[in-house]
Amino acid sequence: MGRHVGIVGVGQTHHARRRTDVSQAGLVREAVDRALADAKLSMEDIDTVVVATGPVLFAAVNQPEKWVVDAIGAQGKSVVRLTSGGGAGFAGALAGYYQVAGGFSERTLVVAYDKLSEGQLQYSISTLYDPFWGREFAVGIMGFSAAYWRARMDVLGHTEEAAAMVAAKNRKNAIANPYAHVKKEVSVQDVLNSKPLCWPIKLLDVPPISDGAAAIVLSSEKMAHHSTSRPAWIRGMAYCCEADNAPERSLMLSEPLAIASRQVYRAAGITNPRRQFDVVEVQEPYSCFELNYYESLGLCPPGQAAELMASGATQLDGDIPVNPSGGCMGANPIGAVGVIRLIEAATQVMGKNESHQIKDAKTALVQSGGGWANLRGCAVLSA
């Protein structure tokens, strides 16, 4: 099992479509400075650093960790950079978790970012796939996602209206998020009437494209008290994958997420996810995916996600609020999103969330992932 690991400091930037006021390194420093201040630490107290970003073309800088290390004052530290598309931040946090849990570090700083306004996002996404088997069919993430949603609609009832309810919920929640890029309330009908992009996906089913960064400080149990009396302990964390275009894959559930959740729930002692979690933060690249996550995470039985959404259970005043922060609908700096979800969940169980603090929140579930549906992970945090 290794050592207990807790999140003791968090920081994120104010996200925007274009952060022209800072360079990429300056964006990273903004998040790092806030996380270190929150943890009552300086860079001297950090043993290792993990830098996570989207693919190089997302921000058009090769080996950006070399630039980042100078900007945050991490010279001489053990530094590793990794990327995993939309799940880069979560994968970076998992790498940092292993360093502390394995006894290689007492404190690890994880910083994730993307400055998408400076890169070639669509070109990068279009060339992510196996050039022989996948690229001709890939048609971008949106095309895959639309096909994924359509395959489930008749079987599981993932209707256009159910997804529109997700989009309306998250966009409304984002209004209170001080770091959100988009703060505009929309109705379900607004979503349904918005411009079709790739049916059944419409304009308001899609999150914005953002510049932003996020950072967390992970600490061993031995050192955590120096930063806070109430860390957000990581009770379990896993990130699983499957082939991009596996011919026999099921589109009914996210199989890698279902596998990851079983591993994490076993480690955290979760036997009834719907009743044991006080709050959930998920990474919804399109509104329909949140419905899929409800089922893949065991928050409801297969085929009942639309019913769960319609019941109001996932609203702020429901029994299992999902994305009180607004999720990706509020801000979507792709490489940083996994860390942002961890920050939002951690601050909930620490009792200091800046968006919508859920009363008496003690246990939180986080989901994140990359690829179009083939890389998925989750984590359980508790006070």
Protein backbone atom coordinates (compact mmCIF):
# COMPACT_ATOMS: atom_id res chain seq x y z
CA MET A 1 0.00 0.00 0.00
CA GLY A 2 2.90 2.40 0.66
CA ARG A 3 2.67 5.58 2.71
CA HIS A 4 -0.38 7.79 3.11
CA VAL A 5 -0.38 10.76 0.72
CA GLY A 6 -2.33 13.97 1.14
CA ILE A 7 -2.94 17.13 -0.85
CA VAL A 8 -1.79 19.99 1.41
CA GLY A 9 -1.70 22.94 -0.97
CA VAL A 10 -3.53 23.94 -4.14
CA GLY A 11 -3.38 26.77 -6.65
CA GLN A 12 -4.81 27.56 -10.05
CA THR A 13 -4.76 30.48 -12.43
CA HIS A 14 -7.64 32.57 -13.60
CA HIS A 15 -8.45 30.82 -16.85
CA ALA A 16 -9.24 32.66 -20.08
CA ARG A 17 -9.51 32.11 -23.81
CA ARG A 18 -6.23 33.97 -24.21
CA ARG A 19 -3.89 34.85 -21.33
CA THR A 20 -1.86 37.43 -23.26
CA ASP A 21 -0.59 38.96 -20.03
CA VAL A 22 1.81 36.08 -19.29
CA SER A 23 4.06 33.62 -21.10
CA GLN A 24 3.57 29.89 -20.66
CA ALA A 25 6.21 29.91 -17.93
CA GLY A 26 4.51 32.85 -16.25
CA LEU A 27 1.20 31.03 -16.34
CA VAL A 28 2.79 28.05 -14.59
CA ARG A 29 4.44 30.26 -11.98
CA GLU A 30 1.08 31.84 -11.13
CA ALA A 31 -0.38 28.46 -10.18
CA VAL A 32 2.78 27.24 -8.42
CA ASP A 33 3.12 30.36 -6.28
CA ARG A 34 -0.48 29.98 -5.12
CA ALA A 35 -0.07 26.29 -4.31
CA LEU A 36 3.13 26.83 -2.34
CA ALA A 37 1.60 29.74 -0.42
CA ASP A 38 -1.46 27.63 0.36
CA ALA A 39 0.82 24.87 1.68
CA LYS A 40 2.89 27.38 3.71
CA LEU A 41 6.00 26.18 1.87
CA SER A 42 8.71 27.44 -0.47
CA MET A 43 10.33 25.67 -3.38
CA GLU A 44 13.18 24.71 -1.05
CA ASP A 45 10.75 22.44 0.82
CA ILE A 46 9.86 20.49 -2.34
CA ASP A 47 11.76 17.30 -3.13
CA THR A 48 10.45 16.48 -6.60
CA VAL A 49 8.50 18.25 -9.33
CA VAL A 50 6.14 16.80 -11.93
CA VAL A 51 5.27 18.93 -14.96
CA ALA A 52 2.25 17.78 -16.97
CA THR A 53 0.98 19.20 -20.27
CA GLY A 54 -0.99 18.22 -23.30
CA PRO A 55 0.86 17.06 -26.45
CA VAL A 56 3.63 19.38 -27.61
CA LEU A 57 1.53 20.84 -30.43
CA PHE A 58 -1.16 21.97 -27.96
CA ALA A 59 1.07 24.85 -26.87
CA ALA A 60 3.81 24.65 -29.53
CA VAL A 61 6.80 24.41 -27.16
CA ASN A 62 9.02 21.33 -27.18
CA GLN A 63 10.42 20.13 -23.84
CA PRO A 64 8.64 22.92 -21.92
CA GLU A 65 9.79 21.55 -18.57
CA LYS A 66 13.20 23.15 -19.17
CA TRP A 67 11.57 26.57 -19.40
CA VAL A 68 9.23 25.86 -16.49
CA VAL A 69 11.98 24.72 -14.12
CA ASP A 70 13.72 28.07 -14.39
CA ALA A 71 10.48 30.00 -14.00
CA ILE A 72 9.46 28.32 -10.75
CA GLY A 73 12.91 28.15 -9.18
CA ALA A 74 13.18 24.37 -9.29
CA GLN A 75 16.81 24.16 -10.42
CA GLY A 76 18.51 21.17 -8.86
CA LYS A 77 15.25 19.37 -8.12
CA SER A 78 14.27 15.98 -9.46
CA VAL A 79 11.96 16.87 -12.36
CA VAL A 80 9.86 14.71 -14.67
CA ARG A 81 7.49 15.77 -17.41
CA LEU A 82 4.71 13.69 -18.84
CA THR A 83 1.77 14.08 -21.17
CA SER A 84 -1.43 12.15 -21.62
CA GLY A 85 -3.70 14.43 -23.60
CA GLY A 86 -6.75 15.51 -21.64
CA GLY A 87 -5.70 13.31 -18.74
CA ALA A 88 -2.19 14.78 -18.49
CA GLY A 89 -2.88 16.58 -15.21
CA PHE A 90 -4.37 13.49 -13.60
CA ALA A 91 -1.53 11.29 -14.86
CA GLY A 92 0.95 13.82 -13.46
CA ALA A 93 -0.78 13.74 -10.09
CA LEU A 94 -0.66 9.94 -10.13
CA ALA A 95 3.10 10.07 -10.85
CA GLY A 96 3.55 12.48 -7.96
CA TYR A 97 1.43 10.28 -5.72
CA TYR A 98 3.64 7.28 -6.43
CA GLN A 99 6.77 9.26 -5.56
CA VAL A 100 5.46 10.13 -2.11
CA ALA A 101 3.68 6.82 -1.45
CA GLY A 102 6.82 4.92 -2.49
CA GLY A 103 9.04 6.86 -0.09
CA PHE A 104 11.09 8.62 -2.77
CA SER A 105 9.83 12.06 -1.79
CA GLU A 106 8.35 13.73 1.28
CA ARG A 107 6.74 16.49 -0.76
CA THR A 108 6.08 16.58 -4.50
CA LEU A 109 4.82 19.55 -6.49
CA VAL A 110 2.62 18.69 -9.47
CA VAL A 111 1.91 21.47 -11.96
CA ALA A 112 -0.15 21.04 -15.11
CA TYR A 113 -0.96 23.58 -17.78
CA ASP A 114 -1.85 24.35 -21.37
CA LYS A 115 -1.72 27.63 -23.27
CA LEU A 116 -3.95 26.51 -26.09
CA SER A 117 -4.13 29.95 -27.67
CA GLU A 118 -0.52 29.54 -28.82
CA GLY A 119 -0.63 26.04 -30.31
CA GLN A 120 -2.24 23.93 -33.02
CA LEU A 121 -4.94 22.11 -31.07
CA GLN A 122 -7.05 20.72 -33.90
CA TYR A 123 -4.06 19.61 -35.96
CA SER A 124 -2.63 17.84 -32.92
CA ILE A 125 -5.91 16.07 -32.15
CA SER A 126 -6.27 14.96 -35.76
CA THR A 127 -2.85 13.27 -35.70
CA LEU A 128 -3.08 11.53 -32.32
CA TYR A 129 -4.10 8.18 -33.72
CA ASP A 130 -2.37 5.16 -35.18
CA PRO A 131 -1.45 6.37 -38.69
CA PHE A 132 -2.35 3.01 -40.25
CA TRP A 133 -5.48 1.86 -38.40
CA GLY A 134 -6.86 4.95 -36.75
CA ARG A 135 -6.08 8.23 -38.42
CA GLU A 136 -8.28 7.88 -41.49
CA PHE A 137 -11.23 7.04 -39.25
CA ALA A 138 -10.47 9.40 -36.38
CA VAL A 139 -12.37 12.48 -37.65
CA GLY A 140 -11.22 14.34 -34.55
CA ILE A 141 -12.34 13.92 -30.96
CA MET A 142 -15.76 15.40 -31.67
CA GLY A 143 -16.55 12.91 -34.42
CA PHE A 144 -15.64 9.98 -32.21
CA SER A 145 -17.59 11.44 -29.29
CA ALA A 146 -20.69 11.98 -31.39
CA ALA A 147 -20.56 8.37 -32.59
CA TYR A 148 -20.02 7.21 -29.01
CA TRP A 149 -23.05 9.13 -27.78
CA ARG A 150 -25.25 8.07 -30.70
CA ALA A 151 -24.44 4.41 -30.12
CA ARG A 152 -25.78 4.72 -26.57
CA MET A 153 -28.86 6.86 -27.18
CA ASP A 154 -31.36 4.22 -28.21
CA VAL A 155 -30.01 1.55 -25.88
CA LEU A 156 -29.48 3.59 -22.71
CA GLY A 157 -31.67 6.63 -23.19
CA HIS A 158 -28.85 9.14 -23.35
CA THR A 159 -31.04 11.68 -25.07
CA GLU A 160 -30.17 15.11 -26.38
CA GLU A 161 -32.23 16.60 -23.55
CA ALA A 162 -30.39 14.63 -20.84
CA ALA A 163 -27.04 15.92 -22.11
CA ALA A 164 -28.46 19.44 -22.39
CA MET A 165 -29.42 19.21 -18.70
CA VAL A 166 -25.77 18.42 -17.90
CA ALA A 167 -24.56 21.43 -19.89
CA ALA A 168 -27.09 23.76 -18.25
CA LYS A 169 -26.22 22.50 -14.75
CA ASN A 170 -22.48 22.88 -15.15
CA ARG A 171 -22.62 26.26 -16.85
CA LYS A 172 -24.81 27.60 -14.05
CA ASN A 173 -22.45 26.23 -11.38
CA ALA A 174 -19.46 27.87 -13.10
CA ILE A 175 -20.87 31.34 -12.49
CA ALA A 176 -19.74 31.20 -8.84
CA ASN A 177 -16.28 29.84 -9.71
CA PRO A 178 -13.75 32.70 -9.37
CA TYR A 179 -11.33 30.98 -11.76
CA ALA A 180 -13.80 30.07 -14.50
CA HIS A 181 -13.36 31.25 -18.05
CA VAL A 182 -17.06 31.13 -19.04
CA LYS A 183 -19.72 32.43 -16.64
CA LYS A 184 -23.05 32.44 -18.40
CA GLU A 185 -26.25 30.67 -17.41
CA VAL A 186 -28.07 28.85 -20.19
CA SER A 187 -31.32 26.89 -20.23
CA VAL A 188 -31.85 23.34 -21.45
CA GLN A 189 -33.71 24.79 -24.41
CA ASP A 190 -30.79 27.12 -25.17
CA VAL A 191 -28.53 24.08 -25.42
CA LEU A 192 -30.97 22.16 -27.61
CA ASN A 193 -31.36 25.16 -29.91
CA SER A 194 -27.64 25.92 -30.19
CA LYS A 195 -25.73 25.39 -33.42
CA PRO A 196 -25.32 21.72 -34.46
CA LEU A 197 -21.65 20.77 -34.74
CA CYS A 198 -21.59 16.99 -35.16
CA TRP A 199 -25.00 15.53 -34.35
CA PRO A 200 -26.04 14.99 -31.62
CA ILE A 201 -23.33 17.36 -30.28
CA LYS A 202 -24.25 21.03 -30.38
CA LEU A 203 -22.34 24.18 -29.60
CA LEU A 204 -23.40 24.48 -25.96
CA ASP A 205 -22.62 20.80 -25.33
CA VAL A 206 -18.96 21.71 -25.83
CA PRO A 207 -16.68 23.36 -23.23
CA PRO A 208 -14.54 26.38 -24.09
CA ILE A 209 -10.87 26.29 -25.05
CA SER A 210 -8.81 27.92 -22.30
CA ASP A 211 -5.34 29.00 -21.25
CA GLY A 212 -4.61 28.01 -17.66
CA ALA A 213 -2.51 26.16 -15.11
CA ALA A 214 -3.08 24.31 -11.85
CA ALA A 215 -0.76 22.98 -9.14
CA ILE A 216 -1.00 20.79 -6.05
CA VAL A 217 1.46 19.93 -3.30
CA LEU A 218 1.44 16.28 -2.28
CA SER A 219 2.85 15.41 1.14
CA SER A 220 3.63 12.38 3.23
CA GLU A 221 1.71 11.96 6.47
CA LYS A 222 4.89 12.75 8.38
CA MET A 223 5.20 16.24 6.87
CA ALA A 224 1.58 17.17 6.19
CA HIS A 225 1.02 18.90 9.55
CA HIS A 226 3.47 21.63 8.57
CA SER A 227 0.99 22.80 5.94
CA THR A 228 -2.50 22.09 7.22
CA SER A 229 -4.44 20.42 10.00
CA ARG A 230 -6.85 18.95 7.44
CA PRO A 231 -5.18 17.45 4.35
CA ALA A 232 -7.21 15.90 1.57
CA TRP A 233 -6.01 12.30 1.81
CA ILE A 234 -5.83 10.27 -1.37
CA ARG A 235 -7.54 6.99 -0.47
CA GLY A 236 -7.13 5.45 -3.89
CA MET A 237 -6.09 6.49 -7.39
CA ALA A 238 -5.89 4.66 -10.71
CA TYR A 239 -5.60 5.43 -14.43
CA CYS A 240 -6.43 2.72 -16.96
CA CYS A 241 -6.47 2.45 -20.74
CA GLU A 242 -7.62 0.40 -23.68
CA ALA A 243 -6.81 0.44 -27.40
CA ASP A 244 -7.92 3.46 -29.43
CA ASN A 245 -10.00 1.48 -31.87
CA ALA A 246 -10.51 -1.92 -30.27
CA PRO A 247 -12.95 -3.68 -32.66
CA GLU A 248 -14.77 -5.53 -29.90
CA ARG A 249 -15.00 -2.71 -27.38
CA SER A 250 -18.31 -1.93 -25.73
CA LEU A 251 -19.70 1.56 -26.16
CA MET A 252 -22.19 1.07 -23.35
CA LEU A 253 -19.73 1.78 -20.54
CA SER A 254 -16.26 3.27 -20.36
CA GLU A 255 -14.43 0.04 -19.68
CA PRO A 256 -11.14 1.63 -18.53
CA LEU A 257 -13.05 3.87 -16.12
CA ALA A 258 -15.06 0.95 -14.77
CA ILE A 259 -11.82 -0.98 -14.19
CA ALA A 260 -10.13 2.01 -12.54
CA SER A 261 -13.12 2.67 -10.28
CA ARG A 262 -13.22 -0.93 -9.08
CA GLN A 263 -9.54 -0.74 -8.15
CA VAL A 264 -9.94 2.58 -6.38
CA TYR A 265 -13.14 1.65 -4.55
CA ARG A 266 -11.52 -1.51 -3.26
CA ALA A 267 -8.56 0.48 -1.91
CA ALA A 268 -10.80 3.16 -0.37
CA GLY A 269 -13.43 0.81 1.07
CA ILE A 270 -16.22 2.17 -1.15
CA THR A 271 -19.09 -0.29 -1.53
CA ASN A 272 -21.97 2.07 -2.35
CA PRO A 273 -20.69 5.00 -4.44
CA ARG A 274 -24.04 6.77 -4.65
CA ARG A 275 -24.38 6.93 -0.86
CA GLN A 276 -20.74 7.16 0.26
CA PHE A 277 -19.64 10.17 -1.80
CA ASP A 278 -20.60 13.69 -0.75
CA VAL A 279 -19.40 15.39 -3.93
CA VAL A 280 -18.10 14.39 -7.36
CA GLU A 281 -15.88 16.25 -9.85
CA VAL A 282 -15.70 14.86 -13.39
CA GLN A 283 -13.94 15.97 -16.55
CA GLU A 284 -16.64 16.26 -19.21
CA PRO A 285 -15.09 17.01 -22.64
CA TYR A 286 -18.65 16.98 -23.97
CA SER A 287 -21.86 17.02 -21.96
CA CYS A 288 -22.82 13.47 -22.95
CA PHE A 289 -19.72 12.04 -21.28
CA GLU A 290 -20.89 13.06 -17.82
CA LEU A 291 -23.87 10.75 -18.29
CA ASN A 292 -21.51 7.94 -19.21
CA TYR A 293 -19.44 8.59 -16.10
CA TYR A 294 -22.46 8.27 -13.81
CA GLU A 295 -22.83 4.68 -14.98
CA SER A 296 -19.17 3.74 -15.34
CA LEU A 297 -18.46 5.03 -11.81
CA GLY A 298 -21.39 3.10 -10.36
CA LEU A 299 -23.39 6.17 -9.34
CA CYS A 300 -26.37 4.56 -11.04
CA PRO A 301 -27.04 1.28 -12.88
CA PRO A 302 -26.35 1.07 -16.62
CA GLY A 303 -29.09 2.79 -18.56
CA GLN A 304 -30.23 5.06 -15.72
CA ALA A 305 -27.93 8.07 -16.15
CA ALA A 306 -30.60 10.17 -17.86
CA GLU A 307 -33.01 9.34 -15.04
CA LEU A 308 -30.39 10.28 -12.42
CA MET A 309 -29.78 13.60 -14.17
CA ALA A 310 -33.51 14.36 -14.43
CA SER A 311 -34.05 13.53 -10.75
CA GLY A 312 -31.94 16.50 -9.64
CA ALA A 313 -29.62 14.28 -7.57
CA THR A 314 -26.51 15.73 -9.21
CA GLN A 315 -27.54 19.36 -8.74
CA LEU A 316 -25.97 21.47 -5.98
CA ASP A 317 -28.89 20.71 -3.66
CA GLY A 318 -29.04 17.03 -4.65
CA ASP A 319 -27.77 14.11 -2.63
CA ILE A 320 -24.67 13.67 -4.83
CA PRO A 321 -23.65 17.01 -6.39
CA VAL A 322 -21.55 16.61 -9.54
CA ASN A 323 -19.26 19.44 -10.69
CA PRO A 324 -20.13 22.20 -8.22
CA SER A 325 -17.22 24.07 -9.86
CA GLY A 326 -18.86 23.98 -13.27
CA GLY A 327 -16.42 21.40 -14.58
CA CYS A 328 -14.94 21.87 -18.04
CA MET A 329 -17.92 24.02 -19.04
CA GLY A 330 -16.40 26.77 -16.90
CA ALA A 331 -12.77 26.36 -17.94
CA ASN A 332 -10.93 23.88 -20.13
CA PRO A 333 -7.12 24.26 -20.24
CA ILE A 334 -6.89 20.67 -21.43
CA GLY A 335 -3.59 19.53 -19.92
CA ALA A 336 -4.45 21.07 -16.54
CA VAL A 337 -8.02 19.85 -16.21
CA GLY A 338 -7.18 16.68 -14.25
CA VAL A 339 -5.37 18.70 -11.57
CA ILE A 340 -8.21 21.24 -11.48
CA ARG A 341 -10.69 18.44 -10.73
CA LEU A 342 -8.43 17.25 -7.91
CA ILE A 343 -8.18 20.81 -6.55
CA GLU A 344 -11.94 21.27 -6.56
CA ALA A 345 -12.52 17.95 -4.80
CA ALA A 346 -9.67 18.45 -2.33
CA THR A 347 -10.90 21.89 -1.27
CA GLN A 348 -14.38 20.43 -0.77
CA VAL A 349 -13.21 17.86 1.79
CA MET A 350 -10.82 20.42 3.33
CA GLY A 351 -13.78 22.76 3.80
CA LYS A 352 -12.36 25.67 1.82
CA ASN A 353 -13.86 25.45 -1.66
CA GLU A 354 -14.16 28.83 -3.39
CA SER A 355 -17.03 27.93 -5.72
CA HIS A 356 -19.82 26.07 -3.96
CA GLN A 357 -18.78 24.49 -0.66
CA ILE A 358 -20.88 21.38 -0.09
CA LYS A 359 -21.89 21.26 3.57
CA ASP A 360 -20.13 18.57 5.62
CA ALA A 361 -18.34 17.15 2.57
CA LYS A 362 -15.98 14.46 3.81
CA THR A 363 -15.49 12.10 0.84
CA ALA A 364 -15.08 13.13 -2.79
CA LEU A 365 -14.77 11.29 -6.09
CA VAL A 366 -12.65 12.62 -8.98
CA GLN A 367 -12.69 11.43 -12.60
CA SER A 368 -10.36 12.45 -15.39
CA GLY A 369 -9.13 11.07 -18.68
CA GLY A 370 -7.52 11.52 -22.05
CA GLY A 371 -7.96 10.25 -25.56
CA TRP A 372 -11.54 10.18 -26.79
CA ALA A 373 -12.68 7.46 -24.39
CA ASN A 374 -9.75 5.09 -24.03
CA LEU A 375 -7.82 6.64 -21.11
CA ARG A 376 -9.80 7.06 -17.92
CA GLY A 377 -8.96 7.35 -14.23
CA CYS A 378 -10.45 8.25 -10.89
CA ALA A 379 -9.45 9.01 -7.32
CA VAL A 380 -11.10 9.06 -3.91
CA LEU A 381 -10.25 11.88 -1.50
CA SER A 382 -11.30 12.29 2.12
CA ALA A 383 -10.57 14.61 5.02
